[in-house]
N, C-alpha and C. Protein backbone atom coordinates (compact mmCIF):
# COMPACT_ATOMS: atom_id res chain seq x y z
N MET A 1 -51.97 39.58 16.59
CA MET A 1 -50.89 39.73 16.05
C MET A 1 -50.94 39.17 14.83
N VAL A 2 -50.79 40.09 13.88
CA VAL A 2 -50.91 39.61 12.35
C VAL A 2 -49.31 39.04 11.83
N THR A 3 -49.28 37.86 11.44
CA THR A 3 -48.07 37.21 10.85
C THR A 3 -48.15 37.72 9.43
N PRO A 4 -46.95 38.01 8.80
CA PRO A 4 -46.63 38.47 7.44
C PRO A 4 -46.73 36.96 6.57
N PRO A 5 -47.27 37.48 5.53
CA PRO A 5 -47.33 36.21 4.55
C PRO A 5 -45.96 35.54 4.23
N VAL A 6 -46.21 34.27 4.18
CA VAL A 6 -44.91 33.34 3.90
C VAL A 6 -44.86 33.39 2.02
N SER A 7 -43.51 33.68 1.80
CA SER A 7 -43.08 33.76 0.32
C SER A 7 -42.70 32.31 0.04
N ILE A 8 -43.42 31.87 -0.86
CA ILE A 8 -42.71 30.47 -1.39
C ILE A 8 -41.15 30.38 -1.55
N THR A 9 -40.57 31.65 -2.31
CA THR A 9 -39.34 31.53 -2.71
C THR A 9 -38.46 31.90 -1.63
N THR A 10 -38.86 32.19 -0.56
CA THR A 10 -37.90 32.37 0.53
C THR A 10 -37.08 30.95 1.21
N VAL A 11 -35.93 31.15 1.09
CA VAL A 11 -34.99 29.97 1.54
C VAL A 11 -34.18 30.37 2.77
N ASP A 12 -34.19 29.58 3.78
CA ASP A 12 -33.25 29.90 4.74
C ASP A 12 -31.84 29.29 4.66
N VAL A 13 -30.69 30.12 4.63
CA VAL A 13 -29.61 29.63 4.36
C VAL A 13 -29.10 29.32 5.68
N VAL A 14 -28.46 27.91 5.58
CA VAL A 14 -27.87 27.53 6.80
C VAL A 14 -26.39 27.20 6.44
N ARG A 15 -25.50 28.20 7.26
CA ARG A 15 -24.06 28.29 7.24
C ARG A 15 -23.46 27.22 7.89
N PRO A 16 -22.45 26.68 7.43
CA PRO A 16 -21.56 25.47 7.96
C PRO A 16 -20.97 26.07 9.35
N GLU A 17 -20.86 25.33 10.46
CA GLU A 17 -20.41 25.72 11.67
C GLU A 17 -18.69 26.29 11.41
N PRO A 18 -18.32 27.21 11.89
CA PRO A 18 -16.88 27.37 11.53
C PRO A 18 -16.16 26.39 12.46
N ALA A 19 -14.83 25.98 11.72
CA ALA A 19 -14.06 25.02 12.49
C ALA A 19 -13.85 25.43 13.96
N GLN A 20 -13.31 26.65 14.11
CA GLN A 20 -13.09 26.82 15.80
C GLN A 20 -14.61 26.68 16.51
N ALA A 21 -15.55 26.97 16.19
CA ALA A 21 -16.87 27.00 16.93
C ALA A 21 -17.21 25.42 17.22
N ARG A 22 -16.57 24.56 16.25
CA ARG A 22 -17.11 23.04 16.44
C ARG A 22 -15.87 22.50 17.24
N ARG A 23 -14.81 23.13 17.41
CA ARG A 23 -13.82 22.59 18.42
C ARG A 23 -13.66 23.38 19.57
N GLY A 24 -14.03 24.47 19.57
CA GLY A 24 -13.71 25.33 20.61
C GLY A 24 -12.62 26.45 19.95
N ALA A 25 -12.83 27.57 20.61
CA ALA A 25 -11.82 28.69 19.99
C ALA A 25 -10.35 28.26 20.81
N ASP A 26 -10.26 27.72 21.96
CA ASP A 26 -9.13 27.66 22.36
C ASP A 26 -8.50 26.34 22.37
N VAL A 27 -9.01 25.38 21.65
CA VAL A 27 -8.41 24.06 21.38
C VAL A 27 -7.37 24.04 20.38
N PRO A 28 -6.19 23.73 20.41
CA PRO A 28 -5.04 23.83 19.46
C PRO A 28 -5.57 22.74 18.31
N ARG A 29 -5.10 22.82 17.22
CA ARG A 29 -5.38 22.10 16.13
C ARG A 29 -4.70 20.65 16.25
N TRP A 30 -3.57 20.53 16.92
CA TRP A 30 -2.96 19.46 17.23
C TRP A 30 -3.90 18.52 17.98
N ALA A 31 -4.65 19.18 18.89
CA ALA A 31 -5.36 18.27 19.89
C ALA A 31 -6.60 17.77 19.31
N VAL A 32 -6.98 18.31 18.18
CA VAL A 32 -7.90 17.88 17.32
C VAL A 32 -7.68 16.64 16.52
N VAL A 33 -6.59 16.96 15.88
CA VAL A 33 -5.90 15.94 15.01
C VAL A 33 -5.65 14.54 16.08
N ALA A 34 -5.25 14.77 17.10
CA ALA A 34 -4.97 13.84 18.04
C ALA A 34 -6.25 13.26 18.58
N ALA A 35 -7.04 13.78 18.93
CA ALA A 35 -8.51 13.17 19.18
C ALA A 35 -9.18 12.44 18.02
N TRP A 36 -9.04 12.74 16.72
CA TRP A 36 -9.42 12.16 15.95
C TRP A 36 -8.77 10.80 15.51
N ALA A 37 -7.16 10.93 15.88
CA ALA A 37 -6.35 9.68 15.65
C ALA A 37 -6.71 8.70 16.92
N THR A 38 -7.17 9.06 18.00
CA THR A 38 -7.69 7.96 18.90
C THR A 38 -8.83 7.21 18.39
N VAL A 39 -9.57 7.77 17.66
CA VAL A 39 -10.93 7.14 16.88
C VAL A 39 -10.43 6.05 15.86
N LEU A 40 -9.51 6.68 15.17
CA LEU A 40 -8.64 5.71 14.01
C LEU A 40 -7.90 4.67 14.28
N CYS A 41 -7.69 4.76 15.76
CA CYS A 41 -6.55 3.95 16.46
C CYS A 41 -7.35 2.51 16.52
N THR A 42 -8.62 2.54 16.86
CA THR A 42 -9.25 1.38 17.15
C THR A 42 -10.38 0.86 15.89
N VAL A 43 -10.22 1.49 14.87
CA VAL A 43 -10.90 0.99 13.64
C VAL A 43 -10.25 -0.38 13.05
N PRO A 44 -9.06 -0.43 12.84
CA PRO A 44 -8.45 -1.64 12.44
C PRO A 44 -8.53 -2.90 13.24
N SER A 45 -8.39 -2.98 14.55
CA SER A 45 -8.48 -4.04 15.54
C SER A 45 -10.16 -4.64 15.38
N SER A 46 -10.83 -3.38 15.37
CA SER A 46 -12.49 -3.75 15.08
C SER A 46 -12.63 -4.49 14.00
N ILE A 47 -12.27 -4.03 12.94
CA ILE A 47 -12.61 -4.85 11.74
C ILE A 47 -11.99 -5.99 11.69
N TRP A 48 -10.66 -6.34 12.36
CA TRP A 48 -10.35 -7.68 12.39
C TRP A 48 -11.03 -8.55 13.32
N ARG A 49 -11.39 -7.96 14.39
CA ARG A 49 -12.34 -8.74 15.22
C ARG A 49 -13.69 -9.29 14.74
N LEU A 50 -14.20 -8.27 13.98
CA LEU A 50 -15.56 -8.50 13.47
C LEU A 50 -15.54 -9.53 12.25
N ALA A 51 -14.34 -9.53 11.62
CA ALA A 51 -13.98 -10.49 10.55
C ALA A 51 -13.91 -11.99 11.41
N LEU A 52 -13.24 -12.13 12.45
CA LEU A 52 -13.38 -13.11 13.24
C LEU A 52 -14.78 -13.69 13.76
N GLY A 53 -15.46 -12.75 14.07
CA GLY A 53 -16.92 -12.90 14.37
C GLY A 53 -17.69 -13.51 13.65
N VAL A 54 -17.39 -13.30 12.39
CA VAL A 54 -18.53 -13.71 11.27
C VAL A 54 -18.03 -14.64 10.44
N GLY A 55 -16.80 -15.27 10.86
CA GLY A 55 -16.28 -16.56 10.51
C GLY A 55 -15.14 -16.56 9.81
N VAL A 56 -14.60 -15.30 9.34
CA VAL A 56 -13.33 -15.34 8.49
C VAL A 56 -12.35 -16.11 9.42
N ASP A 57 -11.74 -16.77 8.27
CA ASP A 57 -10.45 -17.74 9.01
C ASP A 57 -9.34 -16.61 9.15
N VAL A 58 -9.09 -15.94 10.36
CA VAL A 58 -8.00 -14.95 10.77
C VAL A 58 -6.52 -15.60 11.37
N GLY A 59 -6.59 -17.11 11.22
CA GLY A 59 -5.37 -17.78 11.55
C GLY A 59 -5.39 -18.49 12.95
N PHE A 60 -6.42 -18.47 13.65
CA PHE A 60 -6.32 -19.25 14.76
C PHE A 60 -6.38 -20.76 14.62
N THR A 61 -5.74 -21.59 15.34
CA THR A 61 -5.64 -22.87 15.04
C THR A 61 -5.85 -23.55 16.41
N GLY A 62 -5.94 -24.80 16.24
CA GLY A 62 -6.17 -25.66 17.67
C GLY A 62 -7.25 -25.51 18.33
N ARG A 63 -7.04 -25.33 19.81
CA ARG A 63 -8.14 -25.03 20.60
C ARG A 63 -8.72 -23.89 20.49
N LEU A 64 -7.76 -22.71 20.10
CA LEU A 64 -8.26 -21.49 20.20
C LEU A 64 -9.17 -21.17 18.74
N GLY A 65 -8.84 -22.03 17.74
CA GLY A 65 -9.54 -22.09 16.33
C GLY A 65 -10.73 -22.47 16.64
N HIS A 66 -10.99 -23.61 17.45
CA HIS A 66 -12.43 -24.01 17.84
C HIS A 66 -13.19 -22.98 18.81
N MET A 67 -12.36 -22.62 19.80
CA MET A 67 -13.16 -21.60 20.54
C MET A 67 -13.59 -20.58 19.98
N TYR A 68 -12.92 -19.88 19.18
CA TYR A 68 -13.12 -18.46 18.33
C TYR A 68 -14.14 -18.69 17.31
N THR A 69 -15.14 -19.58 17.62
CA THR A 69 -16.31 -19.62 16.48
C THR A 69 -17.58 -19.57 17.09
N GLY A 70 -18.79 -19.29 16.16
CA GLY A 70 -20.11 -19.45 16.80
C GLY A 70 -20.39 -18.03 17.00
N THR A 71 -21.93 -18.07 17.63
CA THR A 71 -22.68 -17.05 17.90
C THR A 71 -22.11 -16.16 19.39
N ALA A 72 -21.46 -16.95 20.01
CA ALA A 72 -20.86 -16.49 21.47
C ALA A 72 -19.73 -15.51 21.10
N ILE A 73 -19.12 -15.86 20.08
CA ILE A 73 -17.65 -15.12 19.70
C ILE A 73 -18.40 -13.90 19.02
N LEU A 74 -19.19 -13.87 18.33
CA LEU A 74 -19.79 -12.91 17.19
C LEU A 74 -20.11 -12.05 18.30
N ALA A 75 -21.37 -12.31 19.04
CA ALA A 75 -21.77 -11.31 20.36
C ALA A 75 -20.29 -10.80 21.15
N TYR A 76 -19.26 -11.39 21.57
CA TYR A 76 -18.39 -10.88 22.02
C TYR A 76 -17.49 -9.93 21.35
N VAL A 77 -17.28 -10.10 20.11
CA VAL A 77 -16.51 -9.21 19.23
C VAL A 77 -17.22 -8.23 18.81
N LEU A 78 -18.86 -8.22 18.61
CA LEU A 78 -19.35 -7.01 18.32
C LEU A 78 -19.56 -6.01 19.54
N PHE A 79 -19.83 -6.65 20.82
CA PHE A 79 -19.73 -5.89 21.90
C PHE A 79 -18.57 -5.12 22.01
N LEU A 80 -17.27 -5.89 21.98
CA LEU A 80 -16.10 -5.27 22.40
C LEU A 80 -15.87 -4.17 21.23
N SER A 81 -16.11 -4.29 19.89
CA SER A 81 -15.85 -3.25 18.90
C SER A 81 -16.63 -1.94 19.13
N VAL A 82 -17.96 -2.47 19.52
CA VAL A 82 -18.65 -1.17 19.58
C VAL A 82 -18.32 -0.32 20.86
N ALA A 83 -17.95 -1.02 22.10
CA ALA A 83 -17.43 -0.36 23.22
C ALA A 83 -16.34 0.41 22.94
N SER A 84 -15.23 -0.21 22.18
CA SER A 84 -13.96 0.43 21.92
C SER A 84 -14.21 1.72 21.06
N GLN A 85 -15.03 1.27 19.98
CA GLN A 85 -15.48 2.76 19.03
C GLN A 85 -16.07 3.73 19.95
N ALA A 86 -16.93 3.57 20.85
CA ALA A 86 -17.73 4.55 21.72
C ALA A 86 -16.48 4.98 22.84
N ALA A 87 -15.94 4.47 23.34
CA ALA A 87 -14.79 4.79 24.42
C ALA A 87 -13.84 5.80 23.21
N ALA A 88 -13.51 5.44 22.30
CA ALA A 88 -12.68 6.34 21.53
C ALA A 88 -13.45 7.58 20.80
N PHE A 89 -14.44 7.28 20.41
CA PHE A 89 -15.46 8.71 20.27
C PHE A 89 -15.43 9.70 21.37
N LEU A 90 -15.57 9.14 22.55
CA LEU A 90 -15.69 10.03 23.83
C LEU A 90 -14.68 10.78 23.93
N THR A 91 -13.50 10.40 23.40
CA THR A 91 -12.27 11.24 23.40
C THR A 91 -12.43 12.65 22.78
N LEU A 92 -13.28 12.56 21.61
CA LEU A 92 -13.60 14.01 20.84
C LEU A 92 -14.12 14.87 21.98
N GLY A 93 -14.77 14.54 23.08
CA GLY A 93 -15.27 15.44 24.18
C GLY A 93 -14.20 16.29 24.71
N LEU A 94 -12.90 15.95 24.69
CA LEU A 94 -11.86 16.47 25.26
C LEU A 94 -11.40 17.63 24.26
N VAL A 95 -11.89 17.82 23.13
CA VAL A 95 -11.65 18.91 22.11
C VAL A 95 -12.80 19.54 21.80
N ARG A 96 -14.05 19.03 22.07
CA ARG A 96 -15.31 19.89 21.75
C ARG A 96 -16.18 20.33 22.69
N PRO A 97 -16.89 21.45 22.26
CA PRO A 97 -17.68 22.12 23.29
C PRO A 97 -18.50 21.07 24.16
N TRP A 98 -19.04 20.17 23.73
CA TRP A 98 -19.99 19.16 24.38
C TRP A 98 -19.06 18.51 25.56
N GLY A 99 -17.87 18.60 25.65
CA GLY A 99 -16.98 18.03 26.42
C GLY A 99 -16.84 19.07 27.73
N GLU A 100 -17.42 20.28 27.43
CA GLU A 100 -17.25 21.32 28.81
C GLU A 100 -18.95 21.77 29.00
N VAL A 101 -19.65 21.74 28.18
CA VAL A 101 -21.13 22.20 28.30
C VAL A 101 -21.92 20.92 27.94
N VAL A 102 -22.97 20.70 28.53
CA VAL A 102 -23.86 19.54 28.02
C VAL A 102 -24.61 20.25 27.04
N PRO A 103 -24.86 19.59 25.80
CA PRO A 103 -25.53 20.11 24.84
C PRO A 103 -26.92 20.53 25.23
N GLY A 104 -27.52 21.59 24.28
CA GLY A 104 -28.88 22.03 24.80
C GLY A 104 -30.10 21.02 24.69
N TRP A 105 -29.96 20.04 23.75
CA TRP A 105 -30.68 19.22 23.27
C TRP A 105 -30.97 18.00 24.28
N VAL A 106 -30.05 17.79 25.49
CA VAL A 106 -30.12 17.00 26.48
C VAL A 106 -31.16 17.50 27.72
N PRO A 107 -32.30 16.70 27.73
CA PRO A 107 -33.22 17.03 28.64
C PRO A 107 -32.70 17.31 30.27
N TRP A 108 -33.10 18.14 30.83
CA TRP A 108 -32.81 18.46 32.42
C TRP A 108 -31.46 19.08 32.47
N LEU A 109 -30.63 18.65 31.47
CA LEU A 109 -28.95 18.89 31.78
C LEU A 109 -28.50 20.01 30.70
N GLY A 110 -29.05 19.85 29.73
CA GLY A 110 -28.88 20.88 28.53
C GLY A 110 -28.31 22.54 28.95
N GLY A 111 -27.29 22.93 28.53
CA GLY A 111 -26.63 24.11 28.76
C GLY A 111 -25.89 24.02 30.19
N ARG A 112 -25.79 23.06 30.95
CA ARG A 112 -24.96 23.11 32.10
C ARG A 112 -23.56 22.71 32.01
N ARG A 113 -22.67 23.33 32.53
CA ARG A 113 -21.17 23.33 32.68
C ARG A 113 -20.79 22.03 33.15
N ILE A 114 -20.00 21.35 32.50
CA ILE A 114 -19.36 19.89 33.06
C ILE A 114 -18.29 20.27 33.89
N PRO A 115 -18.48 19.65 34.98
CA PRO A 115 -17.06 19.93 36.04
C PRO A 115 -16.07 19.28 35.48
N PRO A 116 -14.80 19.70 35.27
CA PRO A 116 -13.39 19.15 34.66
C PRO A 116 -13.44 17.97 34.92
N LEU A 117 -13.46 17.64 36.32
CA LEU A 117 -13.12 16.14 36.89
C LEU A 117 -14.10 15.07 36.01
N VAL A 118 -15.03 15.54 35.51
CA VAL A 118 -16.46 14.56 35.02
C VAL A 118 -15.38 13.88 33.81
N ALA A 119 -14.65 14.49 33.00
CA ALA A 119 -14.04 14.12 32.00
C ALA A 119 -12.56 13.85 32.31
N ILE A 120 -11.93 14.39 33.27
CA ILE A 120 -10.54 14.26 33.61
C ILE A 120 -10.21 12.62 34.32
N VAL A 121 -11.27 12.47 35.17
CA VAL A 121 -11.01 10.97 35.77
C VAL A 121 -11.24 10.00 35.11
N PRO A 122 -12.23 10.06 34.26
CA PRO A 122 -12.54 8.69 33.24
C PRO A 122 -11.55 8.60 32.32
N ALA A 123 -11.17 9.89 31.62
CA ALA A 123 -10.07 9.73 30.54
C ALA A 123 -8.86 9.45 31.12
N SER A 124 -8.46 9.93 32.27
CA SER A 124 -6.95 9.36 32.66
C SER A 124 -7.10 7.91 33.15
N VAL A 125 -8.15 7.46 33.69
CA VAL A 125 -8.29 6.10 34.24
C VAL A 125 -8.37 5.16 32.79
N GLY A 126 -9.12 5.60 31.97
CA GLY A 126 -8.91 5.00 30.42
C GLY A 126 -7.50 4.96 29.95
N ALA A 127 -6.93 6.04 29.75
CA ALA A 127 -5.74 5.95 29.12
C ALA A 127 -4.59 5.17 30.00
N VAL A 128 -4.53 4.93 31.27
CA VAL A 128 -3.83 4.20 32.19
C VAL A 128 -4.20 2.67 31.82
N ALA A 129 -5.16 2.66 31.87
CA ALA A 129 -5.92 1.16 31.46
C ALA A 129 -5.32 0.44 30.17
N VAL A 130 -5.72 1.40 29.26
CA VAL A 130 -5.15 1.04 27.84
C VAL A 130 -3.99 0.83 27.67
N MET A 131 -2.89 1.63 28.26
CA MET A 131 -1.59 1.50 28.27
C MET A 131 -1.04 0.12 28.97
N GLY A 132 -2.03 -0.14 30.27
CA GLY A 132 -1.45 -1.04 31.09
C GLY A 132 -1.85 -2.61 30.27
N LEU A 133 -2.97 -2.67 29.55
CA LEU A 133 -3.40 -3.69 28.72
C LEU A 133 -2.52 -3.85 27.64
N CYS A 134 -2.16 -2.88 27.16
CA CYS A 134 -1.11 -2.95 25.80
C CYS A 134 0.12 -3.52 26.09
N ALA A 135 0.62 -2.92 27.64
CA ALA A 135 1.87 -3.57 28.01
C ALA A 135 1.83 -4.65 28.37
N ALA A 136 0.76 -5.23 29.08
CA ALA A 136 0.76 -6.60 29.55
C ALA A 136 0.72 -7.67 28.49
N VAL A 137 -0.09 -7.21 27.16
CA VAL A 137 -0.27 -8.22 26.26
C VAL A 137 1.12 -8.42 25.57
N THR A 138 1.58 -7.09 25.29
CA THR A 138 2.71 -7.05 24.29
C THR A 138 4.16 -7.39 24.98
N LEU A 139 4.46 -7.07 26.31
CA LEU A 139 5.57 -7.35 27.15
C LEU A 139 5.67 -8.58 28.15
N THR A 140 4.66 -9.25 28.27
CA THR A 140 4.55 -10.46 29.19
C THR A 140 5.37 -11.66 28.46
N SER A 141 6.08 -12.35 28.95
CA SER A 141 6.55 -13.39 28.59
C SER A 141 5.81 -14.38 28.89
N HIS A 142 5.55 -15.72 27.87
CA HIS A 142 4.28 -16.64 28.04
C HIS A 142 3.13 -16.18 28.19
N GLY A 143 2.96 -15.00 27.59
CA GLY A 143 1.31 -14.31 27.46
C GLY A 143 0.43 -14.91 26.15
N PRO A 144 -0.18 -14.19 26.06
CA PRO A 144 -1.22 -14.80 24.79
C PRO A 144 -0.28 -14.61 23.58
N LEU A 145 0.16 -13.94 23.27
CA LEU A 145 0.92 -13.78 21.85
C LEU A 145 1.85 -14.87 21.63
N ASP A 146 2.23 -15.51 22.65
CA ASP A 146 3.10 -16.39 22.67
C ASP A 146 2.56 -18.13 22.56
N ASN A 147 1.06 -18.17 22.54
CA ASN A 147 0.29 -19.42 22.35
C ASN A 147 0.36 -19.73 21.07
N PRO A 148 0.91 -21.00 20.76
CA PRO A 148 1.01 -21.60 19.48
C PRO A 148 -0.13 -21.60 18.67
N ASP A 149 -1.11 -21.62 19.15
CA ASP A 149 -2.55 -21.52 18.48
C ASP A 149 -2.97 -19.95 17.98
N PHE A 150 -2.21 -19.10 18.38
CA PHE A 150 -2.38 -17.63 17.75
C PHE A 150 -1.94 -17.62 16.48
N PRO A 151 -2.51 -16.52 15.60
CA PRO A 151 -2.06 -16.60 14.07
C PRO A 151 -0.73 -16.52 14.05
N GLN A 152 -0.12 -17.03 12.88
CA GLN A 152 1.28 -17.36 12.72
C GLN A 152 1.52 -16.84 11.26
N GLY A 153 2.69 -16.32 10.70
CA GLY A 153 2.89 -15.99 9.33
C GLY A 153 2.07 -15.05 8.94
N THR A 154 1.61 -14.97 7.69
CA THR A 154 1.06 -13.92 7.12
C THR A 154 -0.14 -13.22 7.84
N ALA A 155 -1.24 -14.30 8.71
CA ALA A 155 -2.32 -14.14 9.37
C ALA A 155 -1.82 -13.44 10.70
N GLY A 156 -0.57 -13.75 11.15
CA GLY A 156 0.03 -13.12 12.54
C GLY A 156 0.28 -11.77 12.13
N VAL A 157 0.83 -11.52 10.80
CA VAL A 157 1.42 -10.38 10.63
C VAL A 157 0.17 -9.19 10.28
N ILE A 158 -0.88 -9.78 9.65
CA ILE A 158 -1.98 -9.06 9.49
C ILE A 158 -2.52 -8.56 10.83
N MET A 159 -2.74 -9.51 11.89
CA MET A 159 -3.30 -9.27 13.22
C MET A 159 -2.59 -8.22 13.92
N ASP A 160 -1.15 -8.47 13.87
CA ASP A 160 -0.19 -7.43 14.37
C ASP A 160 -0.48 -5.92 13.74
N VAL A 161 -0.70 -5.97 12.55
CA VAL A 161 -0.86 -4.76 11.80
C VAL A 161 -2.14 -4.04 12.28
N CYS A 162 -3.26 -4.74 12.39
CA CYS A 162 -4.51 -4.26 12.85
C CYS A 162 -4.49 -3.79 14.31
N TYR A 163 -3.64 -4.57 15.01
CA TYR A 163 -3.80 -4.29 16.63
C TYR A 163 -2.63 -3.20 16.97
N ALA A 164 -1.50 -3.27 16.03
CA ALA A 164 -0.42 -1.91 16.44
C ALA A 164 -0.99 -0.61 16.74
N PRO A 165 -1.91 0.08 16.00
CA PRO A 165 -2.39 1.40 16.31
C PRO A 165 -3.02 1.50 17.68
N LEU A 166 -3.26 0.48 18.48
CA LEU A 166 -3.92 0.32 19.72
C LEU A 166 -2.79 0.72 20.78
N LEU A 167 -1.62 0.66 20.26
CA LEU A 167 -0.44 0.94 21.04
C LEU A 167 -0.47 2.61 21.34
N ALA A 168 -0.89 3.22 20.39
CA ALA A 168 -0.70 4.68 20.21
C ALA A 168 -2.07 5.49 21.13
N TRP A 169 -3.11 4.51 21.21
CA TRP A 169 -4.22 5.07 21.80
C TRP A 169 -4.14 5.60 23.42
N GLY A 170 -3.54 4.75 24.29
CA GLY A 170 -3.39 5.30 25.61
C GLY A 170 -2.57 6.54 25.85
N PRO A 171 -1.58 6.60 24.99
CA PRO A 171 -0.72 8.02 25.19
C PRO A 171 -1.48 9.07 24.45
N LEU A 172 -2.23 8.70 23.50
CA LEU A 172 -2.77 9.84 22.65
C LEU A 172 -3.83 10.59 24.02
N VAL A 173 -4.68 9.56 24.59
CA VAL A 173 -5.68 10.11 25.43
C VAL A 173 -5.09 10.70 26.67
N ALA A 174 -3.91 10.17 27.05
CA ALA A 174 -3.04 10.97 28.27
C ALA A 174 -2.79 12.29 27.87
N VAL A 175 -2.20 12.45 26.86
CA VAL A 175 -1.83 13.67 26.35
C VAL A 175 -3.09 14.92 26.29
N LEU A 176 -4.01 14.31 25.40
CA LEU A 176 -5.47 15.03 25.34
C LEU A 176 -5.90 15.60 26.44
N THR A 177 -5.87 14.37 27.62
CA THR A 177 -6.40 14.65 29.01
C THR A 177 -5.78 15.78 29.67
N ILE A 178 -4.56 15.78 29.60
CA ILE A 178 -3.46 16.76 30.33
C ILE A 178 -3.86 18.29 29.41
N ALA A 179 -3.81 18.26 28.21
CA ALA A 179 -4.51 19.42 27.52
C ALA A 179 -5.78 19.91 27.76
N TYR A 180 -6.77 19.14 27.94
CA TYR A 180 -8.14 19.43 28.56
C TYR A 180 -7.90 20.05 29.83
N ALA A 181 -7.35 19.37 30.65
CA ALA A 181 -7.29 19.74 32.22
C ALA A 181 -6.51 21.17 32.24
N ARG A 182 -5.44 21.45 31.52
CA ARG A 182 -4.93 22.53 31.68
C ARG A 182 -5.82 23.72 30.95
N ARG A 183 -6.48 23.37 29.83
CA ARG A 183 -7.22 24.61 29.36
C ARG A 183 -8.64 24.66 30.12
N ARG A 184 -8.99 23.93 30.80
CA ARG A 184 -10.11 23.85 31.86
C ARG A 184 -9.65 24.85 33.07
N ALA A 185 -8.26 24.58 33.43
CA ALA A 185 -8.11 25.06 34.69
C ALA A 185 -7.59 26.99 34.28
N ARG A 186 -7.38 26.99 32.83
CA ARG A 186 -7.23 28.45 32.40
C ARG A 186 -8.39 29.19 32.72
N LYS A 187 -9.51 28.50 32.20
CA LYS A 187 -10.84 29.09 31.98
C LYS A 187 -11.28 29.35 33.52
N GLY A 188 -10.90 28.54 34.47
CA GLY A 188 -11.34 28.74 35.63
C GLY A 188 -12.58 27.89 36.26
């Protein structure tokens, strides 16, 4: 077989993927916005934690002020921030094609359909866990927020503003999980 000569002036045009293909043709726009909101919900608290980890005075005093310093707290907040961001990014699977079919580049599994419960069960557990943790921290009397060594005044307000978006994380994941389950049930 003879191959045709290659022209130096030939350029392959790569067209951007249409928005519907990126999110799936049957995924409503509100769901995509909500999925990205889950990712954004975790950013302020991650930044605040990382600031704590690298030694920025975020307002802890007394015993907590001494406890939350050093390499151990840096490793902890780095792990916690990466884990929360990774979990939040996984929410995008509820609105993207890779949440229904394993991407083709994945060895041995690429192209296989993902059973709906593989996404629904962990997403449901995650939503309930995040809502439960938020409720336990914010609604418990004599809980961690009542500790006098916790940030107070301006530092406390900054911490509250950074952590407040996490209150939306669990409900957003719950709504997205329900929408994903319904969409997958319609597909059969």
